[in-house]
Amino acid sequence: MAFTLPTFNLPCGIYTNYAVRVFRLPVMVNLSPGRRIHVGQGLYSNYLLLPKLTDIRDGYSTTGNDAVEVPAGSGRWYFVEDVDDVAKGFANEYRWAAISKLVGLGLPPAWPTPYP
């Protein structure tokens, strides 16, 4: 059985620079803890799966790490830790981002309760 693309069923807002949060892009995504193995800089709370070539940026970007609000308008903010591609060059290519909860920096001290 061939590997299929994830279903992108959740609206997401991507914001340039997590500290400033300038809205840049609306995109449909898949938010999933999944069963992915990743060795990186830290522990991530979730993975964001996005259509291929989506402009989402981690700390290796000149603009710094992005922030995302998933679902869009919910108050659930995440910090983008790492970004890479899956199945690069194949028909089933998509992009993933490792993300962690983001609070502070002008945001409320906690996520909305109950979680939307």
PDB file of N, CA and C in Angstrom:
ATOM      1  N   MET A   1       0.842  -1.178   0.000  1.00  0.00           N
ATOM      2  CA  MET A   1       0.000   0.000   0.000  1.00  0.00           C
ATOM      3  C   MET A   1       0.889   1.245   0.000  1.00  0.00           C
ATOM      4  N   ALA A   2       0.575   2.185  -0.835  1.00  0.00           N
ATOM      5  CA  ALA A   2       1.350   3.422  -0.943  1.00  0.00           C
ATOM      6  C   ALA A   2       1.058   4.348   0.237  1.00  0.00           C
ATOM      7  N   PHE A   3       2.046   5.126   0.615  1.00  0.00           N
ATOM      8  CA  PHE A   3       1.899   6.114   1.663  1.00  0.00           C
ATOM      9  C   PHE A   3       1.035   7.259   1.139  1.00  0.00           C
ATOM     10  N   THR A   4       0.038   7.676   1.898  1.00  0.00           N
ATOM     11  CA  THR A   4      -0.843   8.752   1.467  1.00  0.00           C
ATOM     12  C   THR A   4      -0.575  10.021   2.264  1.00  0.00           C
ATOM     13  N   LEU A   5      -0.955  11.136   1.704  1.00  0.00           N
ATOM     14  CA  LEU A   5      -0.807  12.425   2.373  1.00  0.00           C
ATOM     15  C   LEU A   5      -1.715  12.502   3.588  1.00  0.00           C
ATOM     16  N   PRO A   6      -1.313  13.269   4.613  1.00  0.00           N
ATOM     17  CA  PRO A   6      -2.223  13.519   5.729  1.00  0.00           C
ATOM     18  C   PRO A   6      -3.424  14.342   5.237  1.00  0.00           C
ATOM     19  N   THR A   7      -4.502  14.302   5.973  1.00  0.00           N
ATOM     20  CA  THR A   7      -5.651  15.154   5.692  1.00  0.00           C
ATOM     21  C   THR A   7      -5.419  16.494   6.367  1.00  0.00           C
ATOM     22  N   PHE A   8      -5.463  17.561   5.618  1.00  0.00           N
ATOM     23  CA  PHE A   8      -5.270  18.907   6.149  1.00  0.00           C
ATOM     24  C   PHE A   8      -6.658  19.495   6.413  1.00  0.00           C
ATOM     25  N   ASN A   9      -7.140  19.366   7.652  1.00  0.00           N
ATOM     26  CA  ASN A   9      -8.530  19.674   7.962  1.00  0.00           C
ATOM     27  C   ASN A   9      -8.724  20.749   9.028  1.00  0.00           C
ATOM     28  N   LEU A  10      -7.671  21.407   9.457  1.00  0.00           N
ATOM     29  CA  LEU A  10      -7.758  22.353  10.567  1.00  0.00           C
ATOM     30  C   LEU A  10      -7.164  23.695  10.152  1.00  0.00           C
ATOM     31  N   PRO A  11      -7.910  24.806  10.329  1.00  0.00           N
ATOM     32  CA  PRO A  11      -7.356  26.110   9.963  1.00  0.00           C
ATOM     33  C   PRO A  11      -6.261  26.547  10.931  1.00  0.00           C
ATOM     34  N   CYS A  12      -5.223  27.157  10.390  1.00  0.00           N
ATOM     35  CA  CYS A  12      -4.070  27.582  11.178  1.00  0.00           C
ATOM     36  C   CYS A  12      -3.623  28.954  10.693  1.00  0.00           C
ATOM     37  N   GLY A  13      -3.191  29.801  11.617  1.00  0.00           N
ATOM     38  CA  GLY A  13      -2.579  31.069  11.261  1.00  0.00           C
ATOM     39  C   GLY A  13      -1.086  31.003  11.551  1.00  0.00           C
ATOM     40  N   ILE A  14      -0.271  31.372  10.571  1.00  0.00           N
ATOM     41  CA  ILE A  14       1.176  31.411  10.762  1.00  0.00           C
ATOM     42  C   ILE A  14       1.589  32.866  10.929  1.00  0.00           C
ATOM     43  N   TYR A  15       2.384  33.127  11.966  1.00  0.00           N
ATOM     44  CA  TYR A  15       2.798  34.481  12.324  1.00  0.00           C
ATOM     45  C   TYR A  15       4.316  34.571  12.298  1.00  0.00           C
ATOM     46  N   THR A  16       4.834  35.599  11.625  1.00  0.00           N
ATOM     47  CA  THR A  16       6.267  35.811  11.542  1.00  0.00           C
ATOM     48  C   THR A  16       6.804  36.239  12.894  1.00  0.00           C
ATOM     49  N   ASN A  17       7.879  35.634  13.328  1.00  0.00           N
ATOM     50  CA  ASN A  17       8.584  35.954  14.565  1.00  0.00           C
ATOM     51  C   ASN A  17       7.676  35.802  15.782  1.00  0.00           C
ATOM     52  N   TYR A  18       7.897  34.765  16.559  1.00  0.00           N
ATOM     53  CA  TYR A  18       7.021  34.428  17.685  1.00  0.00           C
ATOM     54  C   TYR A  18       6.877  35.562  18.688  1.00  0.00           C
ATOM     55  N   ALA A  19       7.888  36.421  18.847  1.00  0.00           N
ATOM     56  CA  ALA A  19       7.818  37.498  19.839  1.00  0.00           C
ATOM     57  C   ALA A  19       6.970  38.667  19.345  1.00  0.00           C
ATOM     58  N   VAL A  20       6.975  38.923  18.045  1.00  0.00           N
ATOM     59  CA  VAL A  20       6.240  40.052  17.478  1.00  0.00           C
ATOM     60  C   VAL A  20       4.881  39.603  16.942  1.00  0.00           C
ATOM     61  N   ARG A  21       4.835  38.435  16.354  1.00  0.00           N
ATOM     62  CA  ARG A  21       3.625  37.814  15.810  1.00  0.00           C
ATOM     63  C   ARG A  21       2.910  38.707  14.791  1.00  0.00           C
ATOM     64  N   VAL A  22       3.501  38.845  13.628  1.00  0.00           N
ATOM     65  CA  VAL A  22       2.880  39.541  12.503  1.00  0.00           C
ATOM     66  C   VAL A  22       2.240  38.476  11.614  1.00  0.00           C
ATOM     67  N   PHE A  23       0.916  38.559  11.446  1.00  0.00           N
ATOM     68  CA  PHE A  23       0.212  37.545  10.654  1.00  0.00           C
ATOM     69  C   PHE A  23       0.762  37.496   9.242  1.00  0.00           C
ATOM     70  N   ARG A  24       1.061  36.279   8.781  1.00  0.00           N
ATOM     71  CA  ARG A  24       1.632  36.110   7.455  1.00  0.00           C
ATOM     72  C   ARG A  24       0.800  35.219   6.548  1.00  0.00           C
ATOM     73  N   LEU A  25       0.219  34.148   7.083  1.00  0.00           N
ATOM     74  CA  LEU A  25      -0.344  33.146   6.186  1.00  0.00           C
ATOM     75  C   LEU A  25      -1.424  32.310   6.865  1.00  0.00           C
ATOM     76  N   PRO A  26      -2.597  32.189   6.224  1.00  0.00           N
ATOM     77  CA  PRO A  26      -3.563  31.185   6.678  1.00  0.00           C
ATOM     78  C   PRO A  26      -3.310  29.889   5.912  1.00  0.00           C
ATOM     79  N   VAL A  27      -3.440  28.766   6.569  1.00  0.00           N
ATOM     80  CA  VAL A  27      -3.193  27.481   5.911  1.00  0.00           C
ATOM     81  C   VAL A  27      -4.008  26.401   6.626  1.00  0.00           C
ATOM     82  N   MET A  28      -4.396  25.396   5.884  1.00  0.00           N
ATOM     83  CA  MET A  28      -5.064  24.233   6.466  1.00  0.00           C
ATOM     84  C   MET A  28      -3.978  23.221   6.848  1.00  0.00           C
ATOM     85  N   VAL A  29      -4.080  22.642   8.054  1.00  0.00           N
ATOM     86  CA  VAL A  29      -3.037  21.772   8.596  1.00  0.00           C
ATOM     87  C   VAL A  29      -3.635  20.525   9.232  1.00  0.00           C
ATOM     88  N   ASN A  30      -2.756  19.687   9.728  1.00  0.00           N
ATOM     89  CA  ASN A  30      -3.108  18.522  10.528  1.00  0.00           C
ATOM     90  C   ASN A  30      -2.275  18.623  11.800  1.00  0.00           C
ATOM     91  N   LEU A  31      -2.920  18.677  12.951  1.00  0.00           N
ATOM     92  CA  LEU A  31      -2.241  18.766  14.243  1.00  0.00           C
ATOM     93  C   LEU A  31      -2.257  17.382  14.867  1.00  0.00           C
ATOM     94  N   SER A  32      -1.069  16.827  15.127  1.00  0.00           N
ATOM     95  CA  SER A  32      -1.017  15.439  15.551  1.00  0.00           C
ATOM     96  C   SER A  32       0.189  15.163  16.436  1.00  0.00           C
ATOM     97  N   PRO A  33      -0.028  14.466  17.567  1.00  0.00           N
ATOM     98  CA  PRO A  33       1.135  14.005  18.310  1.00  0.00           C
ATOM     99  C   PRO A  33       1.827  12.875  17.557  1.00  0.00           C
ATOM    100  N   GLY A  34       1.048  12.093  16.819  1.00  0.00           N
ATOM    101  CA  GLY A  34       1.586  11.062  15.943  1.00  0.00           C
ATOM    102  C   GLY A  34       2.529  10.096  16.617  1.00  0.00           C
ATOM    103  N   ARG A  35       3.177   9.297  15.815  1.00  0.00           N
ATOM    104  CA  ARG A  35       4.184   8.357  16.277  1.00  0.00           C
ATOM    105  C   ARG A  35       5.470   8.644  15.544  1.00  0.00           C
ATOM    106  N   ARG A  36       5.914   9.860  15.629  1.00  0.00           N
ATOM    107  CA  ARG A  36       7.120  10.275  14.928  1.00  0.00           C
ATOM    108  C   ARG A  36       8.294  10.281  15.889  1.00  0.00           C
ATOM    109  N   ILE A  37       9.447   9.939  15.405  1.00  0.00           N
ATOM    110  CA  ILE A  37      10.654   9.965  16.212  1.00  0.00           C
ATOM    111  C   ILE A  37      11.506  11.103  15.691  1.00  0.00           C
ATOM    112  N   HIS A  38      11.933  11.959  16.600  1.00  0.00           N
ATOM    113  CA  HIS A  38      12.724  13.116  16.195  1.00  0.00           C
ATOM    114  C   HIS A  38      13.765  13.395  17.263  1.00  0.00           C
ATOM    115  N   VAL A  39      14.986  13.520  16.857  1.00  0.00           N
ATOM    116  CA  VAL A  39      16.055  13.890  17.774  1.00  0.00           C
ATOM    117  C   VAL A  39      16.418  15.324  17.427  1.00  0.00           C
ATOM    118  N   GLY A  40      16.151  16.232  18.334  1.00  0.00           N
ATOM    119  CA  GLY A  40      16.383  17.643  18.053  1.00  0.00           C
ATOM    120  C   GLY A  40      16.803  18.372  19.302  1.00  0.00           C
ATOM    121  N   GLN A  41      16.466  19.653  19.344  1.00  0.00           N
ATOM    122  CA  GLN A  41      16.910  20.506  20.434  1.00  0.00           C
ATOM    123  C   GLN A  41      16.108  20.324  21.715  1.00  0.00           C
ATOM    124  N   GLY A  42      14.908  19.817  21.626  1.00  0.00           N
ATOM    125  CA  GLY A  42      14.102  19.717  22.843  1.00  0.00           C
ATOM    126  C   GLY A  42      12.939  18.764  22.649  1.00  0.00           C
ATOM    127  N   LEU A  43      12.035  18.791  23.626  1.00  0.00           N
ATOM    128  CA  LEU A  43      10.842  17.961  23.558  1.00  0.00           C
ATOM    129  C   LEU A  43       9.717  18.794  22.978  1.00  0.00           C
ATOM    130  N   TYR A  44       8.981  18.224  22.057  1.00  0.00           N
ATOM    131  CA  TYR A  44       7.914  18.941  21.385  1.00  0.00           C
ATOM    132  C   TYR A  44       6.572  18.424  21.877  1.00  0.00           C
ATOM    133  N   SER A  45       5.596  19.313  21.919  1.00  0.00           N
ATOM    134  CA  SER A  45       4.288  18.883  22.378  1.00  0.00           C
ATOM    135  C   SER A  45       3.453  18.305  21.242  1.00  0.00           C
ATOM    136  N   ASN A  46       3.727  18.706  20.017  1.00  0.00           N
ATOM    137  CA  ASN A  46       2.930  18.253  18.884  1.00  0.00           C
ATOM    138  C   ASN A  46       3.692  18.426  17.589  1.00  0.00           C
ATOM    139  N   TYR A  47       3.121  17.846  16.555  1.00  0.00           N
ATOM    140  CA  TYR A  47       3.634  18.038  15.213  1.00  0.00           C
ATOM    141  C   TYR A  47       2.542  18.662  14.365  1.00  0.00           C
ATOM    142  N   LEU A  48       2.937  19.604  13.553  1.00  0.00           N
ATOM    143  CA  LEU A  48       2.041  20.254  12.625  1.00  0.00           C
ATOM    144  C   LEU A  48       2.408  19.749  11.237  1.00  0.00           C
ATOM    145  N   LEU A  49       1.464  19.132  10.562  1.00  0.00           N
ATOM    146  CA  LEU A  49       1.686  18.636   9.208  1.00  0.00           C
ATOM    147  C   LEU A  49       1.045  19.620   8.255  1.00  0.00           C
ATOM    148  N   LEU A  50       1.798  20.041   7.226  1.00  0.00           N
ATOM    149  CA  LEU A  50       1.358  21.106   6.333  1.00  0.00           C
ATOM    150  C   LEU A  50       1.544  20.700   4.879  1.00  0.00           C
ATOM    151  N   PRO A  51       0.805  21.348   3.961  1.00  0.00           N
ATOM    152  CA  PRO A  51       1.038  21.081   2.541  1.00  0.00           C
ATOM    153  C   PRO A  51       2.482  21.409   2.158  1.00  0.00           C
ATOM    154  N   LYS A  52       2.986  20.725   1.137  1.00  0.00           N
ATOM    155  CA  LYS A  52       4.379  20.931   0.731  1.00  0.00           C
ATOM    156  C   LYS A  52       4.638  22.394   0.390  1.00  0.00           C
ATOM    157  N   LEU A  53       5.858  22.819   0.690  1.00  0.00           N
ATOM    158  CA  LEU A  53       6.362  24.166   0.414  1.00  0.00           C
ATOM    159  C   LEU A  53       5.668  25.276   1.198  1.00  0.00           C
ATOM    160  N   THR A  54       4.887  24.945   2.228  1.00  0.00           N
ATOM    161  CA  THR A  54       4.269  25.978   3.061  1.00  0.00           C
ATOM    162  C   THR A  54       5.366  26.808   3.718  1.00  0.00           C
ATOM    163  N   ASP A  55       5.206  28.123   3.722  1.00  0.00           N
ATOM    164  CA  ASP A  55       6.200  29.036   4.297  1.00  0.00           C
ATOM    165  C   ASP A  55       6.032  29.087   5.815  1.00  0.00           C
ATOM    166  N   ILE A  56       6.679  28.162   6.498  1.00  0.00           N
ATOM    167  CA  ILE A  56       6.710  28.130   7.968  1.00  0.00           C
ATOM    168  C   ILE A  56       8.180  28.073   8.361  1.00  0.00           C
ATOM    169  N   ARG A  57       8.559  28.829   9.404  1.00  0.00           N
ATOM    170  CA  ARG A  57       9.984  29.049   9.681  1.00  0.00           C
ATOM    171  C   ARG A  57      10.371  28.668  11.104  1.00  0.00           C
ATOM    172  N   ASP A  58      11.536  28.038  11.214  1.00  0.00           N
ATOM    173  CA  ASP A  58      12.101  27.717  12.529  1.00  0.00           C
ATOM    174  C   ASP A  58      13.240  28.682  12.822  1.00  0.00           C
ATOM    175  N   GLY A  59      14.026  28.408  13.840  1.00  0.00           N
ATOM    176  CA  GLY A  59      15.095  29.300  14.273  1.00  0.00           C
ATOM    177  C   GLY A  59      16.248  29.445  13.310  1.00  0.00           C
ATOM    178  N   TYR A  60      16.293  28.645  12.260  1.00  0.00           N
ATOM    179  CA  TYR A  60      17.354  28.771  11.267  1.00  0.00           C
ATOM    180  C   TYR A  60      17.022  29.813  10.205  1.00  0.00           C
ATOM    181  N   SER A  61      15.845  30.405  10.311  1.00  0.00           N
ATOM    182  CA  SER A  61      15.414  31.444   9.380  1.00  0.00           C
ATOM    183  C   SER A  61      15.956  32.801   9.829  1.00  0.00           C
ATOM    184  N   THR A  62      16.164  33.711   8.879  1.00  0.00           N
ATOM    185  CA  THR A  62      16.656  35.051   9.239  1.00  0.00           C
ATOM    186  C   THR A  62      15.620  35.859  10.017  1.00  0.00           C
ATOM    187  N   THR A  63      14.345  35.490   9.937  1.00  0.00           N
ATOM    188  CA  THR A  63      13.304  36.208  10.681  1.00  0.00           C
ATOM    189  C   THR A  63      13.032  35.588  12.046  1.00  0.00           C
ATOM    190  N   GLY A  64      13.684  34.490  12.358  1.00  0.00           N
ATOM    191  CA  GLY A  64      13.476  33.821  13.646  1.00  0.00           C
ATOM    192  C   GLY A  64      12.308  32.856  13.595  1.00  0.00           C
ATOM    193  N   ASN A  65      12.071  32.209  14.723  1.00  0.00           N
ATOM    194  CA  ASN A  65      11.013  31.205  14.824  1.00  0.00           C
ATOM    195  C   ASN A  65       9.640  31.837  14.650  1.00  0.00           C
ATOM    196  N   ASP A  66       8.783  31.148  13.904  1.00  0.00           N
ATOM    197  CA  ASP A  66       7.393  31.563  13.766  1.00  0.00           C
ATOM    198  C   ASP A  66       6.588  31.141  14.979  1.00  0.00           C
ATOM    199  N   ALA A  67       5.408  31.733  15.089  1.00  0.00           N
ATOM    200  CA  ALA A  67       4.372  31.283  16.016  1.00  0.00           C
ATOM    201  C   ALA A  67       3.199  30.837  15.166  1.00  0.00           C
ATOM    202  N   VAL A  68       2.451  29.850  15.655  1.00  0.00           N
ATOM    203  CA  VAL A  68       1.240  29.419  14.965  1.00  0.00           C
ATOM    204  C   VAL A  68       0.098  29.388  15.968  1.00  0.00           C
ATOM    205  N   GLU A  69      -1.086  29.694  15.484  1.00  0.00           N
ATOM    206  CA  GLU A  69      -2.301  29.576  16.294  1.00  0.00           C
ATOM    207  C   GLU A  69      -3.149  28.494  15.650  1.00  0.00           C
ATOM    208  N   VAL A  70      -3.343  27.393  16.401  1.00  0.00           N
ATOM    209  CA  VAL A  70      -4.037  26.232  15.872  1.00  0.00           C
ATOM    210  C   VAL A  70      -5.064  25.745  16.887  1.00  0.00           C
ATOM    211  N   PRO A  71      -6.345  25.687  16.523  1.00  0.00           N
ATOM    212  CA  PRO A  71      -6.948  26.204  15.313  1.00  0.00           C
ATOM    213  C   PRO A  71      -6.909  27.730  15.292  1.00  0.00           C
ATOM    214  N   ALA A  72      -6.964  28.303  14.104  1.00  0.00           N
ATOM    215  CA  ALA A  72      -6.922  29.752  13.948  1.00  0.00           C
ATOM    216  C   ALA A  72      -8.035  30.400  14.788  1.00  0.00           C
ATOM    217  N   GLY A  73      -7.680  31.450  15.531  1.00  0.00           N
ATOM    218  CA  GLY A  73      -8.648  32.179  16.349  1.00  0.00           C
ATOM    219  C   GLY A  73      -8.964  31.553  17.692  1.00  0.00           C
ATOM    220  N   SER A  74      -8.284  30.462  18.049  1.00  0.00           N
ATOM    221  CA  SER A  74      -8.612  29.718  19.270  1.00  0.00           C
ATOM    222  C   SER A  74      -7.877  30.206  20.513  1.00  0.00           C
ATOM    223  N   GLY A  75      -6.765  30.940  20.339  1.00  0.00           N
ATOM    224  CA  GLY A  75      -5.933  31.299  21.485  1.00  0.00           C
ATOM    225  C   GLY A  75      -4.946  30.214  21.867  1.00  0.00           C
ATOM    226  N   ARG A  76      -4.886  29.143  21.099  1.00  0.00           N
ATOM    227  CA  ARG A  76      -3.914  28.060  21.327  1.00  0.00           C
ATOM    228  C   ARG A  76      -2.679  28.375  20.504  1.00  0.00           C
ATOM    229  N   TRP A  77      -1.668  28.943  21.146  1.00  0.00           N
ATOM    230  CA  TRP A  77      -0.447  29.391  20.467  1.00  0.00           C
ATOM    231  C   TRP A  77       0.667  28.377  20.651  1.00  0.00           C
ATOM    232  N   TYR A  78       1.431  28.198  19.579  1.00  0.00           N
ATOM    233  CA  TYR A  78       2.582  27.304  19.592  1.00  0.00           C
ATOM    234  C   TYR A  78       3.802  28.029  19.021  1.00  0.00           C
ATOM    235  N   PHE A  79       4.962  27.618  19.491  1.00  0.00           N
ATOM    236  CA  PHE A  79       6.276  28.093  19.048  1.00  0.00           C
ATOM    237  C   PHE A  79       6.816  27.063  18.068  1.00  0.00           C
ATOM    238  N   VAL A  80       7.265  27.481  16.897  1.00  0.00           N
ATOM    239  CA  VAL A  80       7.792  26.553  15.897  1.00  0.00           C
ATOM    240  C   VAL A  80       9.252  26.259  16.214  1.00  0.00           C
ATOM    241  N   GLU A  81       9.528  25.007  16.554  1.00  0.00           N
ATOM    242  CA  GLU A  81      10.869  24.575  16.957  1.00  0.00           C
ATOM    243  C   GLU A  81      11.734  24.121  15.783  1.00  0.00           C
ATOM    244  N   ASP A  82      11.134  23.355  14.875  1.00  0.00           N
ATOM    245  CA  ASP A  82      11.904  22.730  13.810  1.00  0.00           C
ATOM    246  C   ASP A  82      10.979  22.500  12.618  1.00  0.00           C
ATOM    247  N   VAL A  83      11.520  22.570  11.417  1.00  0.00           N
ATOM    248  CA  VAL A  83      10.746  22.379  10.184  1.00  0.00           C
ATOM    249  C   VAL A  83      11.562  21.522   9.222  1.00  0.00           C
ATOM    250  N   ASP A  84      10.895  20.620   8.544  1.00  0.00           N
ATOM    251  CA  ASP A  84      11.551  19.848   7.491  1.00  0.00           C
ATOM    252  C   ASP A  84      10.493  19.251   6.577  1.00  0.00           C
ATOM    253  N   ASP A  85      10.943  18.576   5.538  1.00  0.00           N
ATOM    254  CA  ASP A  85      10.046  17.983   4.560  1.00  0.00           C
ATOM    255  C   ASP A  85      10.007  16.476   4.721  1.00  0.00           C
ATOM    256  N   VAL A  86       8.867  15.896   4.350  1.00  0.00           N
ATOM    257  CA  VAL A  86       8.674  14.449   4.348  1.00  0.00           C
ATOM    258  C   VAL A  86       8.461  14.028   2.900  1.00  0.00           C
ATOM    259  N   ALA A  87       9.096  12.966   2.488  1.00  0.00           N
ATOM    260  CA  ALA A  87       8.963  12.417   1.129  1.00  0.00           C
ATOM    261  C   ALA A  87       9.333  13.449   0.065  1.00  0.00           C
ATOM    262  N   LYS A  88      10.365  14.227   0.335  1.00  0.00           N
ATOM    263  CA  LYS A  88      10.805  15.285  -0.590  1.00  0.00           C
ATOM    264  C   LYS A  88      11.051  14.714  -1.980  1.00  0.00           C
ATOM    265  N   GLY A  89      10.447  15.360  -2.986  1.00  0.00           N
ATOM    266  CA  GLY A  89      10.628  14.932  -4.363  1.00  0.00           C
ATOM    267  C   GLY A  89       9.648  13.876  -4.832  1.00  0.00           C
ATOM    268  N   PHE A  90       8.794  13.388  -3.941  1.00  0.00           N
ATOM    269  CA  PHE A  90       7.797  12.393  -4.313  1.00  0.00           C
ATOM    270  C   PHE A  90       6.419  13.043  -4.388  1.00  0.00           C
ATOM    271  N   ALA A  91       5.475  12.367  -4.988  1.00  0.00           N
ATOM    272  CA  ALA A  91       4.120  12.904  -5.160  1.00  0.00           C
ATOM    273  C   ALA A  91       3.407  13.112  -3.816  1.00  0.00           C
ATOM    274  N   ASN A  92       3.810  12.365  -2.795  1.00  0.00           N
ATOM    275  CA  ASN A  92       3.155  12.466  -1.494  1.00  0.00           C
ATOM    276  C   ASN A  92       3.925  13.369  -0.519  1.00  0.00           C
ATOM    277  N   GLU A  93       4.713  14.295  -1.040  1.00  0.00           N
ATOM    278  CA  GLU A  93       5.507  15.201  -0.203  1.00  0.00           C
ATOM    279  C   GLU A  93       4.617  16.118   0.637  1.00  0.00           C
ATOM    280  N   TYR A  94       5.042  16.355   1.883  1.00  0.00           N
ATOM    281  CA  TYR A  94       4.426  17.362   2.733  1.00  0.00           C
ATOM    282  C   TYR A  94       5.483  17.896   3.679  1.00  0.00           C
ATOM    283  N   ARG A  95       5.148  18.920   4.436  1.00  0.00           N
ATOM    284  CA  ARG A  95       6.082  19.550   5.373  1.00  0.00           C
ATOM    285  C   ARG A  95       5.586  19.304   6.791  1.00  0.00           C
ATOM    286  N   TRP A  96       6.528  19.125   7.724  1.00  0.00           N
ATOM    287  CA  TRP A  96       6.154  19.013   9.133  1.00  0.00           C
ATOM    288  C   TRP A  96       6.895  20.065   9.937  1.00  0.00           C
ATOM    289  N   ALA A  97       6.283  20.461  11.050  1.00  0.00           N
ATOM    290  CA  ALA A  97       6.901  21.390  11.986  1.00  0.00           C
ATOM    291  C   ALA A  97       6.717  20.834  13.391  1.00  0.00           C
ATOM    292  N   ALA A  98       7.792  20.760  14.149  1.00  0.00           N
ATOM    293  CA  ALA A  98       7.721  20.381  15.553  1.00  0.00           C
ATOM    294  C   ALA A  98       7.391  21.658  16.324  1.00  0.00           C
ATOM    295  N   ILE A  99       6.361  21.600  17.174  1.00  0.00           N
ATOM    296  CA  ILE A  99       5.879  22.799  17.857  1.00  0.00           C
ATOM    297  C   ILE A  99       5.707  22.551  19.349  1.00  0.00           C
ATOM    298  N   SER A 100       5.840  23.631  20.138  1.00  0.00           N
ATOM    299  CA  SER A 100       5.652  23.587  21.591  1.00  0.00           C
ATOM    300  C   SER A 100       4.683  24.682  21.991  1.00  0.00           C
ATOM    301  N   LYS A 101       3.973  24.475  23.079  1.00  0.00           N
ATOM    302  CA  LYS A 101       3.038  25.491  23.567  1.00  0.00           C
ATOM    303  C   LYS A 101       3.773  26.798  23.831  1.00  0.00           C
ATOM    304  N   LEU A 102       3.120  27.903  23.494  1.00  0.00           N
ATOM    305  CA  LEU A 102       3.694  29.229  23.663  1.00  0.00           C
ATOM    306  C   LEU A 102       2.783  30.049  24.559  1.00  0.00           C
ATOM    307  N   VAL A 103       3.322  30.524  25.670  1.00  0.00           N
ATOM    308  CA  VAL A 103       2.607  31.446  26.558  1.00  0.00           C
ATOM    309  C   VAL A 103       3.567  32.557  26.934  1.00  0.00           C
ATOM    310  N   GLY A 104       3.034  33.666  27.404  1.00  0.00           N
ATOM    311  CA  GLY A 104       3.864  34.812  27.746  1.00  0.00           C
ATOM    312  C   GLY A 104       4.068  35.714  26.543  1.00  0.00           C
ATOM    313  N   LEU A 105       5.015  36.632  26.616  1.00  0.00           N
ATOM    314  CA  LEU A 105       5.320  37.568  25.534  1.00  0.00           C
ATOM    315  C   LEU A 105       4.072  38.317  25.075  1.00  0.00           C
ATOM    316  N   GLY A 106       3.303  38.824  26.031  1.00  0.00           N
ATOM    317  CA  GLY A 106       2.107  39.576  25.689  1.00  0.00           C
ATOM    318  C   GLY A 106       0.876  38.714  25.507  1.00  0.00           C
ATOM    319  N   LEU A 107       1.056  37.396  25.552  1.00  0.00           N
ATOM    320  CA  LEU A 107      -0.082  36.487  25.491  1.00  0.00           C
ATOM    321  C   LEU A 107      -0.614  36.282  26.887  1.00  0.00           C
ATOM    322  N   PRO A 108      -1.839  35.807  27.039  1.00  0.00           N
ATOM    323  CA  PRO A 108      -2.311  35.459  28.366  1.00  0.00           C
ATOM    324  C   PRO A 108      -1.367  34.445  29.015  1.00  0.00           C
ATOM    325  N   PRO A 109      -1.329  34.375  30.350  1.00  0.00           N
ATOM    326  CA  PRO A 109      -0.398  33.473  31.016  1.00  0.00           C
ATOM    327  C   PRO A 109      -0.697  31.997  30.788  1.00  0.00           C
ATOM    328  N   ALA A 110      -1.840  31.696  30.235  1.00  0.00           N
ATOM    329  CA  ALA A 110      -2.188  30.295  29.996  1.00  0.00           C
ATOM    330  C   ALA A 110      -3.094  30.213  28.778  1.00  0.00           C
ATOM    331  N   TRP A 111      -3.293  29.015  28.297  1.00  0.00           N
ATOM    332  CA  TRP A 111      -4.231  28.787  27.207  1.00  0.00           C
ATOM    333  C   TRP A 111      -5.652  29.011  27.704  1.00  0.00           C
ATOM    334  N   PRO A 112      -6.598  29.244  26.799  1.00  0.00           N
ATOM    335  CA  PRO A 112      -7.996  29.379  27.220  1.00  0.00           C
ATOM    336  C   PRO A 112      -8.451  28.098  27.930  1.00  0.00           C
ATOM    337  N   THR A 113      -9.332  28.257  28.904  1.00  0.00           N
ATOM    338  CA  THR A 113      -9.849  27.090  29.626  1.00  0.00           C
ATOM    339  C   THR A 113     -11.373  27.115  29.553  1.00  0.00           C
ATOM    340  N   PRO A 114     -12.019  26.018  29.183  1.00  0.00           N
ATOM    341  CA  PRO A 114     -11.417  24.772  28.713  1.00  0.00           C
ATOM    342  C   PRO A 114     -10.775  24.979  27.354  1.00  0.00           C
ATOM    343  N   TYR A 115      -9.861  24.072  26.978  1.00  0.00           N
ATOM    344  CA  TYR A 115      -9.209  24.189  25.678  1.00  0.00           C
ATOM    345  C   TYR A 115     -10.247  24.163  24.569  1.00  0.00           C
ATOM    346  N   PRO A 116     -10.154  25.118  23.646  1.00  0.00           N
ATOM    347  CA  PRO A 116     -11.087  25.084  22.500  1.00  0.00           C
ATOM    348  C   PRO A 116     -10.699  23.998  21.507  1.00  0.00           C
TER     349      PRO A 116
END
